[in-house]
Protein backbone atom coordinates (compact mmCIF):
# COMPACT_ATOMS: atom_id res chain seq x y z
CA MET A 1 7.78 -6.67 -23.29
CA LEU A 2 9.92 -3.56 -23.55
CA ARG A 3 11.30 -2.13 -20.31
CA GLN A 4 13.36 0.84 -21.41
CA GLY A 5 15.44 2.75 -18.90
CA VAL A 6 15.92 6.48 -18.79
CA GLY A 7 19.14 6.18 -20.78
CA ARG A 8 17.21 4.81 -23.73
CA LEU A 9 14.54 7.47 -23.28
CA ILE A 10 17.24 10.14 -23.32
CA SER A 11 18.85 8.84 -26.51
CA LYS A 12 15.41 8.70 -28.13
CA SER A 13 14.62 12.27 -27.11
CA LYS A 14 17.96 13.56 -28.40
CA ARG A 15 17.10 12.24 -31.83
CA ARG A 16 13.68 13.87 -31.79
CA ILE A 17 14.19 17.23 -30.08
CA ASN A 18 17.26 19.39 -30.24
CA LEU A 19 16.06 22.32 -28.09
CA PRO A 20 16.48 21.99 -24.32
CA ALA A 21 13.84 23.09 -21.79
CA LYS A 22 13.83 26.80 -20.92
CA SER A 23 15.84 26.70 -17.70
CA TRP A 24 17.18 23.18 -17.82
CA ASN A 25 20.02 21.90 -19.92
CA ALA A 26 18.37 18.54 -20.57
CA PRO A 27 16.67 16.90 -23.56
CA LYS A 28 12.88 16.83 -23.67
CA GLU A 29 10.43 14.09 -24.50
CA LYS A 30 6.64 14.05 -24.69
CA ALA A 31 4.29 11.38 -23.39
CA GLU A 32 0.56 10.88 -23.08
CA CYS A 33 0.24 9.39 -19.58
CA VAL A 34 2.97 8.98 -16.97
CA VAL A 35 2.44 7.04 -13.75
CA ILE A 36 5.09 7.69 -11.09
CA GLY A 37 5.56 4.61 -8.93
CA ALA A 38 5.06 0.92 -9.72
CA GLY A 39 3.49 -0.18 -6.45
CA ILE A 40 0.06 -1.79 -6.33
CA VAL A 41 -1.69 1.56 -6.89
CA GLY A 42 0.58 2.58 -9.75
CA VAL A 43 0.34 -0.70 -11.66
CA ALA A 44 -3.46 -0.81 -11.17
CA VAL A 45 -3.76 2.74 -12.52
CA ALA A 46 -1.48 1.89 -15.46
CA ARG A 47 -3.58 -1.17 -16.29
CA GLU A 48 -6.81 0.83 -16.19
CA LEU A 49 -5.43 3.62 -18.37
CA SER A 50 -4.03 1.17 -20.91
CA LEU A 51 -7.34 -0.71 -21.07
CA LYS A 52 -8.92 2.62 -22.05
CA GLY A 53 -6.52 2.95 -24.98
CA LYS A 54 -4.04 5.39 -23.44
CA GLU A 55 -0.29 5.29 -24.06
CA VAL A 56 1.20 4.79 -20.60
CA LEU A 57 4.73 5.06 -19.23
CA VAL A 58 5.38 3.90 -15.66
CA LEU A 59 8.52 5.20 -13.91
CA ASP A 60 9.92 3.63 -10.76
CA SER A 61 13.20 4.24 -8.96
CA ALA A 62 13.54 0.58 -7.93
CA PRO A 63 14.75 -2.35 -10.08
CA THR A 64 11.23 -3.81 -10.35
CA PHE A 65 7.63 -3.27 -9.31
CA GLY A 66 6.19 -3.41 -5.80
CA THR A 67 9.37 -3.21 -3.72
CA ALA A 68 8.19 -0.77 -1.02
CA THR A 69 4.95 -0.74 1.00
CA SER A 70 3.23 -2.98 -1.55
CA SER A 71 5.45 -5.85 -0.42
CA ARG A 72 5.46 -4.91 3.28
CA ASN A 73 1.91 -5.33 4.51
CA SER A 74 -0.44 -7.92 5.97
CA GLU A 75 -1.99 -8.79 2.57
CA VAL A 76 -5.47 -8.45 4.05
CA ILE A 77 -8.56 -7.71 1.96
CA HIS A 78 -10.52 -5.39 4.24
CA ALA A 79 -14.31 -5.39 4.29
CA GLY A 80 -14.87 -1.62 4.79
CA ILE A 81 -15.83 -1.46 8.47
CA TYR A 82 -13.48 1.15 9.89
CA TYR A 83 -13.96 4.24 7.74
CA PRO A 84 -16.50 7.05 8.41
CA SER A 85 -19.83 6.53 6.67
CA ASN A 86 -20.21 8.16 3.24
CA SER A 87 -16.46 8.85 3.08
CA LEU A 88 -14.52 8.06 -0.07
CA LYS A 89 -12.44 5.54 1.88
CA ALA A 90 -15.57 3.66 2.97
CA ARG A 91 -17.06 3.65 -0.52
CA PHE A 92 -13.82 2.67 -2.22
CA CYS A 93 -13.04 -0.08 0.30
CA VAL A 94 -16.45 -1.77 -0.02
CA ARG A 95 -16.57 -1.51 -3.82
CA GLY A 96 -12.86 -2.27 -4.16
CA ARG A 97 -13.15 -5.39 -2.04
CA ASN A 98 -15.88 -6.78 -4.29
CA LEU A 99 -13.93 -5.89 -7.42
CA LEU A 100 -10.75 -7.41 -5.99
CA TYR A 101 -12.39 -10.76 -5.20
CA GLN A 102 -13.88 -10.76 -8.70
CA TYR A 103 -10.53 -9.94 -10.33
CA CYS A 104 -8.67 -12.58 -8.32
CA SER A 105 -11.23 -15.25 -9.24
CA GLN A 106 -11.14 -14.36 -12.94
CA HIS A 107 -7.33 -14.24 -13.16
CA GLY A 108 -6.36 -17.12 -10.89
CA ILE A 109 -4.78 -14.92 -8.21
CA PRO A 110 -4.28 -16.89 -4.97
CA HIS A 111 -6.67 -15.54 -2.35
CA LYS A 112 -9.01 -16.77 0.36
CA GLN A 113 -12.06 -15.29 2.04
CA ILE A 114 -11.25 -16.51 5.56
CA GLY A 115 -13.17 -13.89 7.56
CA LYS A 116 -12.14 -11.73 10.48
CA LEU A 117 -12.99 -11.51 14.17
CA ILE A 118 -12.69 -8.09 15.81
CA VAL A 119 -12.65 -8.82 19.52
CA ALA A 120 -13.55 -7.04 22.72
CA THR A 121 -11.26 -8.20 25.51
CA GLY A 122 -13.03 -6.27 28.28
CA ALA A 123 -16.38 -4.69 29.08
CA SER A 124 -15.10 -1.23 28.11
CA ASP A 125 -14.52 -2.48 24.54
CA ILE A 126 -18.13 -3.55 23.95
CA PRO A 127 -19.55 -0.07 23.10
CA LYS A 128 -16.68 0.40 20.64
CA LEU A 129 -17.46 -2.97 19.07
CA ASN A 130 -21.13 -2.01 18.73
CA HIS A 131 -20.05 1.23 17.08
CA LEU A 132 -17.97 -0.72 14.54
CA LEU A 133 -20.95 -2.97 13.81
CA ASN A 134 -23.23 0.00 13.16
CA ARG A 135 -20.62 1.77 11.06
CA GLY A 136 -19.99 -1.34 8.99
CA ILE A 137 -23.72 -1.77 8.32
CA GLN A 138 -23.97 1.89 7.28
CA ASN A 139 -21.03 1.38 4.93
CA GLY A 140 -22.76 -1.55 3.24
CA VAL A 141 -20.58 -4.37 4.59
CA GLU A 142 -22.48 -7.63 4.23
CA GLY A 143 -22.86 -10.43 6.78
CA LEU A 144 -21.61 -8.67 9.93
CA ARG A 145 -22.68 -10.45 13.09
CA MET A 146 -22.04 -9.92 16.80
CA LEU A 147 -20.92 -13.03 18.68
CA ASP A 148 -20.88 -13.65 22.39
CA ALA A 149 -17.75 -15.13 23.97
CA SER A 150 -18.88 -18.77 23.74
CA GLU A 151 -19.72 -18.47 20.01
CA ALA A 152 -16.39 -16.81 19.23
CA ILE A 153 -14.37 -19.34 21.24
CA THR A 154 -16.24 -22.21 19.56
CA MET A 155 -15.00 -20.80 16.24
CA GLU A 156 -11.49 -20.10 17.58
CA PRO A 157 -10.73 -22.22 20.70
CA GLU A 158 -7.51 -20.34 21.57
CA LEU A 159 -9.16 -16.93 21.45
CA GLN A 160 -9.96 -15.00 24.59
CA CYS A 161 -12.62 -12.30 24.48
CA VAL A 162 -15.94 -11.18 25.96
CA LYS A 163 -17.53 -10.44 22.57
CA ALA A 164 -16.49 -10.48 18.92
CA LEU A 165 -17.65 -8.98 15.65
CA LEU A 166 -17.55 -11.46 12.75
CA SER A 167 -16.73 -10.02 9.33
CA PRO A 168 -17.09 -12.95 6.89
CA SER A 169 -16.17 -10.90 3.80
CA SER A 170 -12.61 -10.12 4.99
CA GLY A 171 -9.82 -12.15 3.41
CA ILE A 172 -6.22 -12.46 2.29
CA VAL A 173 -4.47 -12.22 -1.09
CA ASP A 174 -1.06 -12.95 -2.59
CA THR A 175 -0.05 -9.35 -3.35
CA HIS A 176 2.93 -10.29 -5.53
CA SER A 177 0.77 -12.48 -7.79
CA LEU A 178 -1.81 -9.68 -7.93
CA MET A 179 0.79 -7.10 -8.99
CA LEU A 180 2.35 -9.51 -11.49
CA SER A 181 -1.05 -9.97 -13.14
CA LEU A 182 -1.72 -6.22 -13.29
CA VAL A 183 1.72 -5.54 -14.78
CA ALA A 184 1.27 -8.28 -17.38
CA GLU A 185 -2.12 -6.89 -18.43
CA ALA A 186 -0.76 -3.36 -18.65
CA GLU A 187 2.22 -4.47 -20.73
CA THR A 188 -0.02 -6.49 -23.03
CA LYS A 189 -1.95 -3.31 -23.71
CA GLY A 190 1.24 -1.41 -24.54
CA THR A 191 2.30 0.11 -21.22
CA THR A 192 6.06 0.67 -20.88
CA PHE A 193 7.71 0.15 -17.47
CA SER A 194 10.97 2.00 -16.91
CA TYR A 195 12.66 0.83 -13.72
CA ASN A 196 15.75 2.31 -12.04
CA THR A 197 14.27 5.63 -13.18
CA THR A 198 13.61 8.38 -10.63
CA VAL A 199 11.38 11.43 -10.96
CA VAL A 200 13.38 13.94 -8.90
CA GLY A 201 11.05 16.91 -9.36
CA GLY A 202 9.33 18.95 -12.00
CA HIS A 203 7.95 22.31 -13.03
CA LEU A 204 4.84 23.77 -14.61
CA GLU A 205 5.32 24.84 -18.19
CA GLU A 206 2.34 26.45 -19.95
CA ASN A 207 -0.12 24.79 -17.58
CA GLN A 208 1.48 21.39 -18.15
CA MET A 209 3.66 19.44 -15.78
CA ALA A 210 7.24 18.81 -16.93
CA LEU A 211 8.86 15.96 -15.01
CA HIS A 212 12.58 15.96 -14.16
CA VAL A 213 13.87 12.43 -14.60
CA SER A 214 17.22 10.87 -13.70
CA GLU A 215 18.73 7.41 -13.58
CA SER A 216 18.50 6.03 -10.05
CA LYS A 217 22.13 4.92 -10.01
CA SER A 218 23.29 8.55 -10.34
CA LEU A 219 21.45 9.63 -7.16
CA GLY A 220 23.40 7.72 -4.54
CA ASN A 221 24.53 10.82 -2.61
CA TRP A 222 21.50 13.02 -3.30
CA ASP A 223 19.83 14.42 -0.16
CA GLY A 224 16.38 14.63 -1.77
CA SER A 225 16.15 18.42 -1.63
CA THR A 226 19.19 19.95 -3.38
CA PRO A 227 18.25 21.01 -6.94
CA LEU A 228 19.50 18.56 -9.54
CA GLN A 229 20.24 18.78 -13.22
CA PRO A 230 17.90 16.09 -14.64
CA ASP A 231 18.94 13.65 -17.34
CA LEU A 232 15.62 14.13 -19.11
CA ILE A 233 12.57 16.40 -19.00
CA LEU A 234 9.40 14.49 -19.71
CA SER A 235 6.22 16.40 -20.64
CA PRO A 236 3.13 14.22 -20.30
CA LYS A 237 -0.48 15.24 -20.86
CA PHE A 238 -1.56 13.32 -17.76
CA VAL A 239 0.43 12.55 -14.59
CA VAL A 240 -0.42 10.24 -11.68
CA ASN A 241 1.80 10.60 -8.62
CA SER A 242 1.51 7.20 -6.96
CA SER A 243 4.97 7.19 -5.40
CA GLY A 244 3.78 5.99 -2.00
CA LEU A 245 5.65 7.34 1.02
CA SER A 246 7.49 9.78 -1.25
CA ALA A 247 4.36 11.22 -2.91
CA SER A 248 4.01 14.34 -0.77
CA ALA A 249 7.73 15.14 -0.80
CA LEU A 250 7.85 14.69 -4.58
CA ALA A 251 4.82 16.93 -5.09
CA LYS A 252 6.59 19.68 -3.14
CA ARG A 253 9.44 19.50 -5.68
CA PHE A 254 7.06 20.31 -8.53
CA HIS A 255 7.87 24.01 -8.96
CA GLY A 256 4.81 26.12 -9.65
CA LEU A 257 2.36 23.68 -8.05
CA ASN A 258 0.23 25.25 -5.32
CA THR A 259 1.69 23.72 -2.15
CA ALA A 260 -1.61 24.33 -0.33
CA THR A 261 -3.07 21.47 -2.39
CA ILE A 262 -0.43 19.00 -1.14
CA PRO A 263 -1.58 17.03 1.93
CA PRO A 264 0.89 16.79 4.82
CA ALA A 265 2.71 13.50 5.36
CA TYR A 266 2.60 11.65 8.68
CA TYR A 267 4.91 8.67 8.96
CA ALA A 268 4.40 5.67 11.21
CA ARG A 269 6.50 2.54 11.31
CA GLY A 270 5.48 -0.90 12.50
CA SER A 271 7.13 -4.30 12.95
CA TYR A 272 5.66 -7.75 12.32
CA PHE A 273 6.69 -11.04 13.92
CA THR A 274 6.00 -14.62 12.81
CA LEU A 275 5.15 -17.76 14.76
CA SER A 276 8.52 -19.48 15.30
CA ASN A 277 7.38 -23.08 15.88
CA SER A 278 6.75 -24.23 12.33
CA THR A 279 5.73 -27.75 13.46
CA ARG A 280 2.77 -26.43 15.45
CA LEU A 281 -0.58 -26.12 13.74
CA ALA A 282 -1.72 -22.54 13.30
CA PRO A 283 -3.80 -21.60 16.38
CA PHE A 284 -6.26 -19.51 14.35
CA LYS A 285 -8.22 -19.94 11.12
CA HIS A 286 -9.56 -16.39 10.96
CA LEU A 287 -7.93 -12.98 11.04
CA ILE A 288 -7.98 -11.77 14.66
CA TYR A 289 -8.08 -8.02 15.32
CA PRO A 290 -8.45 -5.98 18.52
CA ILE A 291 -10.44 -2.77 18.87
CA PRO A 292 -8.65 -0.14 16.69
CA GLU A 293 -6.24 2.24 18.41
CA GLU A 294 -5.07 5.72 17.50
CA GLY A 295 -2.90 5.54 14.41
CA GLY A 296 -3.72 1.95 13.46
CA LEU A 297 -5.79 -1.18 13.85
CA GLY A 298 -3.84 -2.49 16.83
CA VAL A 299 -1.58 -5.54 17.09
CA HIS A 300 -3.46 -8.23 15.19
CA VAL A 301 -3.06 -11.80 13.97
CA THR A 302 -2.97 -12.46 10.24
CA LEU A 303 -2.36 -15.54 8.13
CA ASP A 304 -0.82 -15.91 4.72
CA LEU A 305 -1.98 -18.40 2.11
CA ASP A 306 0.53 -20.99 3.38
CA GLY A 307 -0.93 -20.82 6.88
CA GLN A 308 1.98 -18.87 8.38
CA LEU A 309 0.88 -16.63 11.25
CA LYS A 310 2.09 -13.06 11.50
CA PHE A 311 1.66 -10.74 14.50
CA GLY A 312 1.81 -6.96 14.58
CA PRO A 313 2.35 -4.24 13.84
CA ASP A 314 3.20 -1.86 16.62
CA VAL A 315 2.81 1.84 15.77
CA GLU A 316 5.78 4.19 16.10
CA TRP A 317 5.43 7.74 14.80
CA ILE A 318 8.63 8.93 13.16
CA ARG A 319 9.86 12.25 11.76
CA HIS A 320 10.74 11.08 8.27
CA ILE A 321 11.01 7.94 6.18
CA ASP A 322 14.66 7.28 7.00
CA ASP A 323 14.29 7.81 10.77
CA THR A 324 15.92 4.70 12.26
CA SER A 325 16.54 6.07 15.76
CA SER A 326 14.78 3.22 17.56
CA PHE A 327 14.20 0.69 14.81
CA LEU A 328 16.97 -1.64 15.96
CA ASN A 329 15.50 -2.03 19.43
CA ARG A 330 13.74 -5.22 18.38
CA SER A 331 13.56 -6.75 21.85
CA THR A 332 11.50 -3.84 23.20
CA ILE A 333 9.21 -3.90 20.16
CA GLY A 334 8.85 -7.68 20.41
CA ARG A 335 7.96 -7.46 24.10
CA TYR A 336 5.27 -4.89 23.36
CA VAL A 337 3.77 -7.04 20.58
CA PHE A 338 3.82 -10.09 22.86
CA LEU A 339 2.01 -8.24 25.65
CA GLN A 340 -0.66 -7.10 23.20
CA LEU A 341 -1.08 -10.67 21.97
CA THR A 342 -1.74 -11.95 25.50
CA ARG A 343 -5.01 -10.01 25.43
CA LEU A 344 -6.23 -11.99 22.40
CA TRP A 345 -4.55 -15.38 22.57
CA SER A 346 -5.13 -17.58 25.61
CA HIS A 347 -2.20 -19.97 24.99
CA VAL A 348 0.46 -17.65 23.66
CA GLU A 349 3.99 -18.52 24.80
CA GLU A 350 6.92 -16.12 24.77
């Protein structure tokens, strides 16, 4: 399928339109629907729009789809336990989980419903675990069951806990295969993906958003805030800003957009570690999670579809995306993750 870069879009627009935008010396092009960002959200939105007969153009600054947070996560299918009852997150998670299992089964996407244990490691955790059980039931999560320590340890002999909440509908998925399927479906329905193409900002023009687009390779020294002369101005009827960690910052560069409608961005970074002894059988068959902590779900144990165990993440609040002030201190981070694991895993070795 066609993957045309911004250079080709520019040459096309120059043939069609000779008049530049009002304040910008750049060619203009029109589009029906533009999706900014080709992560899992962007490609899913593009697929859905194309299935409804829309002409869709997806722009991403990277060389291909899913290179940012979509490829840096635990690949867990969550059941819908954690979110406040009647919230959009709760409703979307429960319905989305069911739809995701259905989609994966229909399209041959590797996945497995392995279940999760959320564990209480001390008496003070038990009321919190009961609260999660009640919240999950209110959210419509099926099959939740409270286990005493002996039941949980029978299921997972290397686990240590005083109680555990079993969530049988939790699972894991191959996110790359999932994205590849969504992209293929979108392209089959006529969606165009333009990679190495960055939306650097935009402006409102007669109640319509005009996007400022540049080739990614020309932005090597750009600080992200200095006004740029775009290579192309793209005027779509419908815009979806699914640019992940950059979504809020990009929205603020849309001149004329009410900044009060833009949610603030809070950035947290976490590190994962893998089990180093590849000859040892995986100590767990289920996902193992502690009681959630502020800012995250706590250091947990996840498996991929090959049986590889992954531990983490820690939570470190940072000022901005590129804040690397303490990222290289891996030994300190690793020690913290190990100490958190000792609360869950009875035979963990450093």
